[in-house]
Amino acid sequence: KVKVVHFDAYDDSCYQSMVDTVMQQEGHLDILVNNFGT
């Protein structure tokens, strides 16, 4: 059960928007993995 949400590490607005998208579609967020690094 895999879905896609937009994320651009250099765009500050993306962090809140991706969480908002998950919450709108699922109603809850249980796990976040901050994997990005460069």
PDB file of all heavy atoms in Angstrom:
ATOM      1  N   LYS A   1       0.877  -1.177   0.000  1.00  0.00           N
ATOM      2  CA  LYS A   1       0.000   0.000   0.000  1.00  0.00           C
ATOM      3  C   LYS A   1       0.912   1.224   0.000  1.00  0.00           C
ATOM      4  O   LYS A   1       1.215   1.788   1.048  1.00  0.00           O
ATOM      5  CB  LYS A   1      -0.909  -0.015   1.227  1.00  0.00           C
ATOM      6  CG  LYS A   1      -1.927  -1.147   1.226  1.00  0.00           C
ATOM      7  CD  LYS A   1      -2.730  -1.178   2.509  1.00  0.00           C
ATOM      8  CE  LYS A   1      -1.891  -1.683   3.675  1.00  0.00           C
ATOM      9  NZ  LYS A   1      -2.679  -1.846   4.920  1.00  0.00           N
ATOM     10  N   VAL A   2       1.363   1.589  -1.196  1.00  0.00           N
ATOM     11  CA  VAL A   2       2.357   2.647  -1.348  1.00  0.00           C
ATOM     12  C   VAL A   2       1.769   3.774  -2.178  1.00  0.00           C
ATOM     13  O   VAL A   2       1.179   3.548  -3.242  1.00  0.00           O
ATOM     14  CB  VAL A   2       3.639   2.103  -2.015  1.00  0.00           C
ATOM     15  CG1 VAL A   2       4.684   3.211  -2.127  1.00  0.00           C
ATOM     16  CG2 VAL A   2       4.189   0.917  -1.224  1.00  0.00           C
ATOM     17  N   LYS A   3       1.925   4.984  -1.689  1.00  0.00           N
ATOM     18  CA  LYS A   3       1.425   6.178  -2.370  1.00  0.00           C
ATOM     19  C   LYS A   3       2.561   7.175  -2.523  1.00  0.00           C
ATOM     20  O   LYS A   3       3.648   6.998  -1.965  1.00  0.00           O
ATOM     21  CB  LYS A   3       0.256   6.778  -1.587  1.00  0.00           C
ATOM     22  CG  LYS A   3      -0.898   5.798  -1.371  1.00  0.00           C
ATOM     23  CD  LYS A   3      -2.047   6.428  -0.600  1.00  0.00           C
ATOM     24  CE  LYS A   3      -3.158   5.411  -0.377  1.00  0.00           C
ATOM     25  NZ  LYS A   3      -4.321   6.010   0.344  1.00  0.00           N
ATOM     26  N   VAL A   4       2.299   8.229  -3.267  1.00  0.00           N
ATOM     27  CA  VAL A   4       3.336   9.208  -3.594  1.00  0.00           C
ATOM     28  C   VAL A   4       2.879  10.596  -3.185  1.00  0.00           C
ATOM     29  O   VAL A   4       1.703  10.953  -3.359  1.00  0.00           O
ATOM     30  CB  VAL A   4       3.656   9.163  -5.109  1.00  0.00           C
ATOM     31  CG1 VAL A   4       4.616  10.268  -5.487  1.00  0.00           C
ATOM     32  CG2 VAL A   4       4.232   7.801  -5.491  1.00  0.00           C
ATOM     33  N   VAL A   5       3.811  11.375  -2.650  1.00  0.00           N
ATOM     34  CA  VAL A   5       3.534  12.763  -2.309  1.00  0.00           C
ATOM     35  C   VAL A   5       4.734  13.607  -2.726  1.00  0.00           C
ATOM     36  O   VAL A   5       5.881  13.147  -2.669  1.00  0.00           O
ATOM     37  CB  VAL A   5       3.245  12.919  -0.789  1.00  0.00           C
ATOM     38  CG1 VAL A   5       4.463  12.535   0.049  1.00  0.00           C
ATOM     39  CG2 VAL A   5       2.781  14.321  -0.457  1.00  0.00           C
ATOM     40  N   HIS A   6       4.471  14.819  -3.165  1.00  0.00           N
ATOM     41  CA  HIS A   6       5.558  15.665  -3.675  1.00  0.00           C
ATOM     42  C   HIS A   6       6.436  16.161  -2.538  1.00  0.00           C
ATOM     43  O   HIS A   6       5.971  16.577  -1.477  1.00  0.00           O
ATOM     44  CB  HIS A   6       4.992  16.870  -4.432  1.00  0.00           C
ATOM     45  CG  HIS A   6       6.055  17.768  -4.977  1.00  0.00           C
ATOM     46  ND1 HIS A   6       6.321  19.019  -4.462  1.00  0.00           N
ATOM     47  CD2 HIS A   6       6.947  17.580  -5.985  1.00  0.00           C
ATOM     48  CE1 HIS A   6       7.327  19.565  -5.126  1.00  0.00           C
ATOM     49  NE2 HIS A   6       7.718  18.719  -6.056  1.00  0.00           N
ATOM     50  N   PHE A   7       7.753  16.110  -2.803  1.00  0.00           N
ATOM     51  CA  PHE A   7       8.729  16.576  -1.821  1.00  0.00           C
ATOM     52  C   PHE A   7       9.942  17.132  -2.548  1.00  0.00           C
ATOM     53  O   PHE A   7      10.513  16.481  -3.417  1.00  0.00           O
ATOM     54  CB  PHE A   7       9.165  15.418  -0.913  1.00  0.00           C
ATOM     55  CG  PHE A   7      10.345  15.739  -0.033  1.00  0.00           C
ATOM     56  CD1 PHE A   7      10.224  16.612   1.027  1.00  0.00           C
ATOM     57  CD2 PHE A   7      11.586  15.146  -0.269  1.00  0.00           C
ATOM     58  CE1 PHE A   7      11.307  16.903   1.848  1.00  0.00           C
ATOM     59  CE2 PHE A   7      12.677  15.423   0.542  1.00  0.00           C
ATOM     60  CZ  PHE A   7      12.536  16.306   1.604  1.00  0.00           C
ATOM     61  N   ASP A   8      10.316  18.346  -2.196  1.00  0.00           N
ATOM     62  CA  ASP A   8      11.536  18.971  -2.702  1.00  0.00           C
ATOM     63  C   ASP A   8      12.274  19.521  -1.487  1.00  0.00           C
ATOM     64  O   ASP A   8      11.824  20.472  -0.858  1.00  0.00           O
ATOM     65  CB  ASP A   8      11.200  20.088  -3.692  1.00  0.00           C
ATOM     66  CG  ASP A   8      12.439  20.762  -4.264  1.00  0.00           C
ATOM     67  OD1 ASP A   8      13.553  20.554  -3.736  1.00  0.00           O
ATOM     68  OD2 ASP A   8      12.310  21.513  -5.255  1.00  0.00           O
ATOM     69  N   ALA A   9      13.395  18.907  -1.158  1.00  0.00           N
ATOM     70  CA  ALA A   9      14.108  19.258   0.071  1.00  0.00           C
ATOM     71  C   ALA A   9      14.507  20.724   0.119  1.00  0.00           C
ATOM     72  O   ALA A   9      14.708  21.280   1.209  1.00  0.00           O
ATOM     73  CB  ALA A   9      15.345  18.379   0.221  1.00  0.00           C
ATOM     74  N   TYR A  10      14.630  21.369  -1.034  1.00  0.00           N
ATOM     75  CA  TYR A  10      15.072  22.755  -1.078  1.00  0.00           C
ATOM     76  C   TYR A  10      13.908  23.744  -0.985  1.00  0.00           C
ATOM     77  O   TYR A  10      14.135  24.952  -0.921  1.00  0.00           O
ATOM     78  CB  TYR A  10      15.865  22.995  -2.357  1.00  0.00           C
ATOM     79  CG  TYR A  10      17.146  22.180  -2.417  1.00  0.00           C
ATOM     80  CD1 TYR A  10      17.146  20.891  -2.930  1.00  0.00           C
ATOM     81  CD2 TYR A  10      18.344  22.688  -1.923  1.00  0.00           C
ATOM     82  CE1 TYR A  10      18.309  20.125  -2.963  1.00  0.00           C
ATOM     83  CE2 TYR A  10      19.514  21.931  -1.954  1.00  0.00           C
ATOM     84  CZ  TYR A  10      19.483  20.648  -2.467  1.00  0.00           C
ATOM     85  OH  TYR A  10      20.635  19.893  -2.496  1.00  0.00           O
ATOM     86  N   ASP A  11      12.686  23.250  -0.998  1.00  0.00           N
ATOM     87  CA  ASP A  11      11.492  24.090  -0.929  1.00  0.00           C
ATOM     88  C   ASP A  11      10.917  24.001   0.480  1.00  0.00           C
ATOM     89  O   ASP A  11      10.341  22.978   0.865  1.00  0.00           O
ATOM     90  CB  ASP A  11      10.470  23.619  -1.969  1.00  0.00           C
ATOM     91  CG  ASP A  11       9.201  24.452  -1.971  1.00  0.00           C
ATOM     92  OD1 ASP A  11       9.047  25.334  -1.089  1.00  0.00           O
ATOM     93  OD2 ASP A  11       8.343  24.220  -2.843  1.00  0.00           O
ATOM     94  N   ASP A  12      11.057  25.061   1.247  1.00  0.00           N
ATOM     95  CA  ASP A  12      10.634  25.032   2.654  1.00  0.00           C
ATOM     96  C   ASP A  12       9.162  24.676   2.821  1.00  0.00           C
ATOM     97  O   ASP A  12       8.784  24.047   3.816  1.00  0.00           O
ATOM     98  CB  ASP A  12      10.900  26.391   3.305  1.00  0.00           C
ATOM     99  CG  ASP A  12      12.389  26.705   3.434  1.00  0.00           C
ATOM    100  OD1 ASP A  12      13.205  25.924   2.893  1.00  0.00           O
ATOM    101  OD2 ASP A  12      12.731  27.720   4.064  1.00  0.00           O
ATOM    102  N   SER A  13       8.325  25.066   1.871  1.00  0.00           N
ATOM    103  CA  SER A  13       6.886  24.840   2.003  1.00  0.00           C
ATOM    104  C   SER A  13       6.514  23.367   1.847  1.00  0.00           C
ATOM    105  O   SER A  13       5.436  22.945   2.279  1.00  0.00           O
ATOM    106  CB  SER A  13       6.123  25.673   0.978  1.00  0.00           C
ATOM    107  OG  SER A  13       6.407  25.237  -0.352  1.00  0.00           O
ATOM    108  N   CYS A  14       7.395  22.575   1.245  1.00  0.00           N
ATOM    109  CA  CYS A  14       7.061  21.175   0.960  1.00  0.00           C
ATOM    110  C   CYS A  14       6.933  20.333   2.225  1.00  0.00           C
ATOM    111  O   CYS A  14       6.201  19.336   2.232  1.00  0.00           O
ATOM    112  CB  CYS A  14       8.124  20.557   0.049  1.00  0.00           C
ATOM    113  SG  CYS A  14       7.815  20.827  -1.704  1.00  0.00           S
ATOM    114  N   TYR A  15       7.631  20.703   3.271  1.00  0.00           N
ATOM    115  CA  TYR A  15       7.626  19.873   4.474  1.00  0.00           C
ATOM    116  C   TYR A  15       6.247  19.836   5.116  1.00  0.00           C
ATOM    117  O   TYR A  15       5.734  18.766   5.461  1.00  0.00           O
ATOM    118  CB  TYR A  15       8.690  20.378   5.453  1.00  0.00           C
ATOM    119  CG  TYR A  15      10.080  20.226   4.896  1.00  0.00           C
ATOM    120  CD1 TYR A  15      10.676  21.236   4.142  1.00  0.00           C
ATOM    121  CD2 TYR A  15      10.795  19.058   5.082  1.00  0.00           C
ATOM    122  CE1 TYR A  15      11.947  21.090   3.601  1.00  0.00           C
ATOM    123  CE2 TYR A  15      12.070  18.894   4.550  1.00  0.00           C
ATOM    124  CZ  TYR A  15      12.642  19.930   3.803  1.00  0.00           C
ATOM    125  OH  TYR A  15      13.890  19.766   3.271  1.00  0.00           O
ATOM    126  N   GLN A  16       5.657  20.997   5.275  1.00  0.00           N
ATOM    127  CA  GLN A  16       4.310  21.030   5.848  1.00  0.00           C
ATOM    128  C   GLN A  16       3.284  20.489   4.871  1.00  0.00           C
ATOM    129  O   GLN A  16       2.356  19.770   5.267  1.00  0.00           O
ATOM    130  CB  GLN A  16       3.945  22.466   6.251  1.00  0.00           C
ATOM    131  CG  GLN A  16       2.635  22.586   7.014  1.00  0.00           C
ATOM    132  CD  GLN A  16       2.675  21.855   8.340  1.00  0.00           C
ATOM    133  OE1 GLN A  16       3.534  22.116   9.179  1.00  0.00           O
ATOM    134  NE2 GLN A  16       1.750  20.921   8.561  1.00  0.00           N
ATOM    135  N   SER A  17       3.445  20.793   3.590  1.00  0.00           N
ATOM    136  CA  SER A  17       2.453  20.357   2.613  1.00  0.00           C
ATOM    137  C   SER A  17       2.420  18.838   2.474  1.00  0.00           C
ATOM    138  O   SER A  17       1.346  18.253   2.287  1.00  0.00           O
ATOM    139  CB  SER A  17       2.696  21.020   1.253  1.00  0.00           C
ATOM    140  OG  SER A  17       3.911  20.588   0.676  1.00  0.00           O
ATOM    141  N   MET A  18       3.575  18.182   2.564  1.00  0.00           N
ATOM    142  CA  MET A  18       3.545  16.715   2.424  1.00  0.00           C
ATOM    143  C   MET A  18       2.854  16.081   3.628  1.00  0.00           C
ATOM    144  O   MET A  18       2.102  15.107   3.487  1.00  0.00           O
ATOM    145  CB  MET A  18       4.959  16.159   2.238  1.00  0.00           C
ATOM    146  CG  MET A  18       5.865  16.230   3.421  1.00  0.00           C
ATOM    147  SD  MET A  18       7.504  15.488   3.071  1.00  0.00           S
ATOM    148  CE  MET A  18       8.300  15.717   4.669  1.00  0.00           C
ATOM    149  N   VAL A  19       3.092  16.624   4.816  1.00  0.00           N
ATOM    150  CA  VAL A  19       2.412  16.107   6.010  1.00  0.00           C
ATOM    151  C   VAL A  19       0.915  16.388   5.920  1.00  0.00           C
ATOM    152  O   VAL A  19       0.087  15.528   6.243  1.00  0.00           O
ATOM    153  CB  VAL A  19       3.016  16.720   7.285  1.00  0.00           C
ATOM    154  CG1 VAL A  19       2.160  16.389   8.507  1.00  0.00           C
ATOM    155  CG2 VAL A  19       4.442  16.220   7.485  1.00  0.00           C
ATOM    156  N   ASP A  20       0.554  17.576   5.463  1.00  0.00           N
ATOM    157  CA  ASP A  20      -0.867  17.917   5.311  1.00  0.00           C
ATOM    158  C   ASP A  20      -1.558  16.968   4.342  1.00  0.00           C
ATOM    159  O   ASP A  20      -2.700  16.543   4.577  1.00  0.00           O
ATOM    160  CB  ASP A  20      -1.015  19.357   4.820  1.00  0.00           C
ATOM    161  CG  ASP A  20      -0.653  20.386   5.877  1.00  0.00           C
ATOM    162  OD1 ASP A  20      -0.577  20.015   7.071  1.00  0.00           O
ATOM    163  OD2 ASP A  20      -0.440  21.558   5.510  1.00  0.00           O
ATOM    164  N   THR A  21      -0.879  16.630   3.258  1.00  0.00           N
ATOM    165  CA  THR A  21      -1.456  15.712   2.270  1.00  0.00           C
ATOM    166  C   THR A  21      -1.729  14.351   2.891  1.00  0.00           C
ATOM    167  O   THR A  21      -2.795  13.756   2.691  1.00  0.00           O
ATOM    168  CB  THR A  21      -0.516  15.550   1.059  1.00  0.00           C
ATOM    169  OG1 THR A  21      -0.362  16.811   0.414  1.00  0.00           O
ATOM    170  CG2 THR A  21      -1.063  14.536   0.065  1.00  0.00           C
ATOM    171  N   VAL A  22      -0.762  13.832   3.638  1.00  0.00           N
ATOM    172  CA  VAL A  22      -0.944  12.542   4.300  1.00  0.00           C
ATOM    173  C   VAL A  22      -2.111  12.603   5.281  1.00  0.00           C
ATOM    174  O   VAL A  22      -2.958  11.692   5.332  1.00  0.00           O
ATOM    175  CB  VAL A  22       0.347  12.107   5.014  1.00  0.00           C
ATOM    176  CG1 VAL A  22       0.103  10.847   5.848  1.00  0.00           C
ATOM    177  CG2 VAL A  22       1.464  11.860   4.004  1.00  0.00           C
ATOM    178  N   MET A  23      -2.192  13.665   6.055  1.00  0.00           N
ATOM    179  CA  MET A  23      -3.255  13.789   7.041  1.00  0.00           C
ATOM    180  C   MET A  23      -4.624  13.890   6.370  1.00  0.00           C
ATOM    181  O   MET A  23      -5.610  13.310   6.842  1.00  0.00           O
ATOM    182  CB  MET A  23      -3.000  15.008   7.932  1.00  0.00           C
ATOM    183  CG  MET A  23      -1.797  14.855   8.852  1.00  0.00           C
ATOM    184  SD  MET A  23      -1.991  13.500  10.043  1.00  0.00           S
ATOM    185  CE  MET A  23      -3.264  14.183  11.110  1.00  0.00           C
ATOM    186  N   GLN A  24      -4.703  14.618   5.258  1.00  0.00           N
ATOM    187  CA  GLN A  24      -5.969  14.751   4.540  1.00  0.00           C
ATOM    188  C   GLN A  24      -6.438  13.411   3.981  1.00  0.00           C
ATOM    189  O   GLN A  24      -7.634  13.098   3.991  1.00  0.00           O
ATOM    190  CB  GLN A  24      -5.822  15.771   3.413  1.00  0.00           C
ATOM    191  CG  GLN A  24      -5.672  17.203   3.896  1.00  0.00           C
ATOM    192  CD  GLN A  24      -5.149  18.139   2.821  1.00  0.00           C
ATOM    193  OE1 GLN A  24      -5.018  17.770   1.644  1.00  0.00           O
ATOM    194  NE2 GLN A  24      -4.840  19.373   3.199  1.00  0.00           N
ATOM    195  N   GLN A  25      -5.482  12.599   3.523  1.00  0.00           N
ATOM    196  CA  GLN A  25      -5.849  11.348   2.872  1.00  0.00           C
ATOM    197  C   GLN A  25      -6.001  10.185   3.845  1.00  0.00           C
ATOM    198  O   GLN A  25      -6.794   9.270   3.608  1.00  0.00           O
ATOM    199  CB  GLN A  25      -4.811  10.999   1.803  1.00  0.00           C
ATOM    200  CG  GLN A  25      -4.764  11.999   0.654  1.00  0.00           C
ATOM    201  CD  GLN A  25      -3.829  11.581  -0.460  1.00  0.00           C
ATOM    202  OE1 GLN A  25      -3.361  10.452  -0.519  1.00  0.00           O
ATOM    203  NE2 GLN A  25      -3.546  12.494  -1.384  1.00  0.00           N
ATOM    204  N   GLU A  26      -5.231  10.197   4.935  1.00  0.00           N
ATOM    205  CA  GLU A  26      -5.237   9.058   5.854  1.00  0.00           C
ATOM    206  C   GLU A  26      -5.823   9.369   7.225  1.00  0.00           C
ATOM    207  O   GLU A  26      -6.250   8.466   7.937  1.00  0.00           O
ATOM    208  CB  GLU A  26      -3.806   8.528   6.036  1.00  0.00           C
ATOM    209  CG  GLU A  26      -3.089   8.206   4.745  1.00  0.00           C
ATOM    210  CD  GLU A  26      -3.754   7.093   3.951  1.00  0.00           C
ATOM    211  OE1 GLU A  26      -4.412   6.224   4.564  1.00  0.00           O
ATOM    212  OE2 GLU A  26      -3.621   7.087   2.705  1.00  0.00           O
ATOM    213  N   GLY A  27      -5.768  10.633   7.610  1.00  0.00           N
ATOM    214  CA  GLY A  27      -6.291  11.007   8.920  1.00  0.00           C
ATOM    215  C   GLY A  27      -5.309  10.843  10.058  1.00  0.00           C
ATOM    216  O   GLY A  27      -5.571  11.275  11.186  1.00  0.00           O
ATOM    217  N   HIS A  28      -4.159  10.239   9.787  1.00  0.00           N
ATOM    218  CA  HIS A  28      -3.144  10.079  10.834  1.00  0.00           C
ATOM    219  C   HIS A  28      -1.784   9.833  10.192  1.00  0.00           C
ATOM    220  O   HIS A  28      -1.679   9.289   9.086  1.00  0.00           O
ATOM    221  CB  HIS A  28      -3.496   8.924  11.777  1.00  0.00           C
ATOM    222  CG  HIS A  28      -3.632   7.590  11.102  1.00  0.00           C
ATOM    223  ND1 HIS A  28      -2.667   6.610  11.168  1.00  0.00           N
ATOM    224  CD2 HIS A  28      -4.619   7.073  10.327  1.00  0.00           C
ATOM    225  CE1 HIS A  28      -3.053   5.549  10.479  1.00  0.00           C
ATOM    226  NE2 HIS A  28      -4.234   5.804   9.956  1.00  0.00           N
ATOM    227  N   LEU A  29      -0.747  10.240  10.904  1.00  0.00           N
ATOM    228  CA  LEU A  29       0.636   9.974  10.516  1.00  0.00           C
ATOM    229  C   LEU A  29       1.318   9.345  11.723  1.00  0.00           C
ATOM    230  O   LEU A  29       1.403   9.958  12.783  1.00  0.00           O
ATOM    231  CB  LEU A  29       1.354  11.268  10.102  1.00  0.00           C
ATOM    232  CG  LEU A  29       2.855  11.125   9.805  1.00  0.00           C
ATOM    233  CD1 LEU A  29       3.099  10.211   8.614  1.00  0.00           C
ATOM    234  CD2 LEU A  29       3.483  12.505   9.564  1.00  0.00           C
ATOM    235  N   ASP A  30       1.811   8.127  11.556  1.00  0.00           N
ATOM    236  CA  ASP A  30       2.395   7.393  12.667  1.00  0.00           C
ATOM    237  C   ASP A  30       3.917   7.355  12.627  1.00  0.00           C
ATOM    238  O   ASP A  30       4.561   7.239  13.672  1.00  0.00           O
ATOM    239  CB  ASP A  30       1.872   5.951  12.654  1.00  0.00           C
ATOM    240  CG  ASP A  30       0.358   5.896  12.650  1.00  0.00           C
ATOM    241  OD1 ASP A  30      -0.240   6.247  13.678  1.00  0.00           O
ATOM    242  OD2 ASP A  30      -0.220   5.519  11.608  1.00  0.00           O
ATOM    243  N   ILE A  31       4.489   7.432  11.425  1.00  0.00           N
ATOM    244  CA  ILE A  31       5.935   7.263  11.269  1.00  0.00           C
ATOM    245  C   ILE A  31       6.454   8.281  10.254  1.00  0.00           C
ATOM    246  O   ILE A  31       5.891   8.436   9.167  1.00  0.00           O
ATOM    247  CB  ILE A  31       6.266   5.848  10.748  1.00  0.00           C
ATOM    248  CG1 ILE A  31       5.692   4.771  11.666  1.00  0.00           C
ATOM    249  CG2 ILE A  31       7.765   5.675  10.573  1.00  0.00           C
ATOM    250  CD1 ILE A  31       5.508   3.433  10.973  1.00  0.00           C
ATOM    251  N   LEU A  32       7.514   8.962  10.600  1.00  0.00           N
ATOM    252  CA  LEU A  32       8.241   9.816   9.653  1.00  0.00           C
ATOM    253  C   LEU A  32       9.685   9.361   9.613  1.00  0.00           C
ATOM    254  O   LEU A  32      10.323   9.221  10.660  1.00  0.00           O
ATOM    255  CB  LEU A  32       8.189  11.292  10.073  1.00  0.00           C
ATOM    256  CG  LEU A  32       9.145  12.221   9.291  1.00  0.00           C
ATOM    257  CD1 LEU A  32       8.711  12.364   7.834  1.00  0.00           C
ATOM    258  CD2 LEU A  32       9.255  13.590   9.967  1.00  0.00           C
ATOM    259  N   VAL A  33      10.198   9.135   8.420  1.00  0.00           N
ATOM    260  CA  VAL A  33      11.618   8.860   8.253  1.00  0.00           C
ATOM    261  C   VAL A  33      12.242  10.025   7.500  1.00  0.00           C
ATOM    262  O   VAL A  33      11.934  10.261   6.323  1.00  0.00           O
ATOM    263  CB  VAL A  33      11.869   7.542   7.488  1.00  0.00           C
ATOM    264  CG1 VAL A  33      13.373   7.298   7.352  1.00  0.00           C
ATOM    265  CG2 VAL A  33      11.200   6.376   8.187  1.00  0.00           C
ATOM    266  N   ASN A  34      13.083  10.776   8.192  1.00  0.00           N
ATOM    267  CA  ASN A  34      13.833  11.870   7.566  1.00  0.00           C
ATOM    268  C   ASN A  34      15.086  11.264   6.928  1.00  0.00           C
ATOM    269  O   ASN A  34      16.131  11.149   7.567  1.00  0.00           O
ATOM    270  CB  ASN A  34      14.215  12.919   8.614  1.00  0.00           C
ATOM    271  CG  ASN A  34      13.031  13.722   9.088  1.00  0.00           C
ATOM    272  OD1 ASN A  34      12.255  14.245   8.298  1.00  0.00           O
ATOM    273  ND2 ASN A  34      12.879  13.836  10.402  1.00  0.00           N
ATOM    274  N   ASN A  35      14.948  10.878   5.671  1.00  0.00           N
ATOM    275  CA  ASN A  35      16.030  10.164   4.993  1.00  0.00           C
ATOM    276  C   ASN A  35      16.895  11.068   4.122  1.00  0.00           C
ATOM    277  O   ASN A  35      18.035  10.730   3.825  1.00  0.00           O
ATOM    278  CB  ASN A  35      15.438   9.035   4.125  1.00  0.00           C
ATOM    279  CG  ASN A  35      16.497   8.319   3.317  1.00  0.00           C
ATOM    280  OD1 ASN A  35      17.407   7.705   3.868  1.00  0.00           O
ATOM    281  ND2 ASN A  35      16.400   8.416   1.990  1.00  0.00           N
ATOM    282  N   PHE A  36      16.373  12.214   3.726  1.00  0.00           N
ATOM    283  CA  PHE A  36      17.133  13.069   2.815  1.00  0.00           C
ATOM    284  C   PHE A  36      18.449  13.533   3.433  1.00  0.00           C
ATOM    285  O   PHE A  36      18.521  13.859   4.614  1.00  0.00           O
ATOM    286  CB  PHE A  36      16.320  14.310   2.424  1.00  0.00           C
ATOM    287  CG  PHE A  36      17.100  15.257   1.550  1.00  0.00           C
ATOM    288  CD1 PHE A  36      17.154  15.076   0.189  1.00  0.00           C
ATOM    289  CD2 PHE A  36      17.824  16.297   2.117  1.00  0.00           C
ATOM    290  CE1 PHE A  36      17.905  15.929  -0.615  1.00  0.00           C
ATOM    291  CE2 PHE A  36      18.577  17.156   1.320  1.00  0.00           C
ATOM    292  CZ  PHE A  36      18.615  16.963  -0.047  1.00  0.00           C
ATOM    293  N   GLY A  37      19.471  13.549   2.614  1.00  0.00           N
ATOM    294  CA  GLY A  37      20.764  14.102   3.014  1.00  0.00           C
ATOM    295  C   GLY A  37      21.629  14.239   1.778  1.00  0.00           C
ATOM    296  O   GLY A  37      21.509  13.445   0.839  1.00  0.00           O
ATOM    297  N   THR A  38      22.479  15.226   1.759  1.00  0.00           N
ATOM    298  CA  THR A  38      23.294  15.429   0.565  1.00  0.00           C
ATOM    299  C   THR A  38      24.684  15.926   0.939  1.00  0.00           C
ATOM    300  O   THR A  38      24.887  16.510   2.005  1.00  0.00           O
ATOM    301  CB  THR A  38      22.633  16.444  -0.391  1.00  0.00           C
ATOM    302  OG1 THR A  38      23.351  16.479  -1.626  1.00  0.00           O
ATOM    303  CG2 THR A  38      22.610  17.848   0.225  1.00  0.00           C
TER     304      THR A  38
END
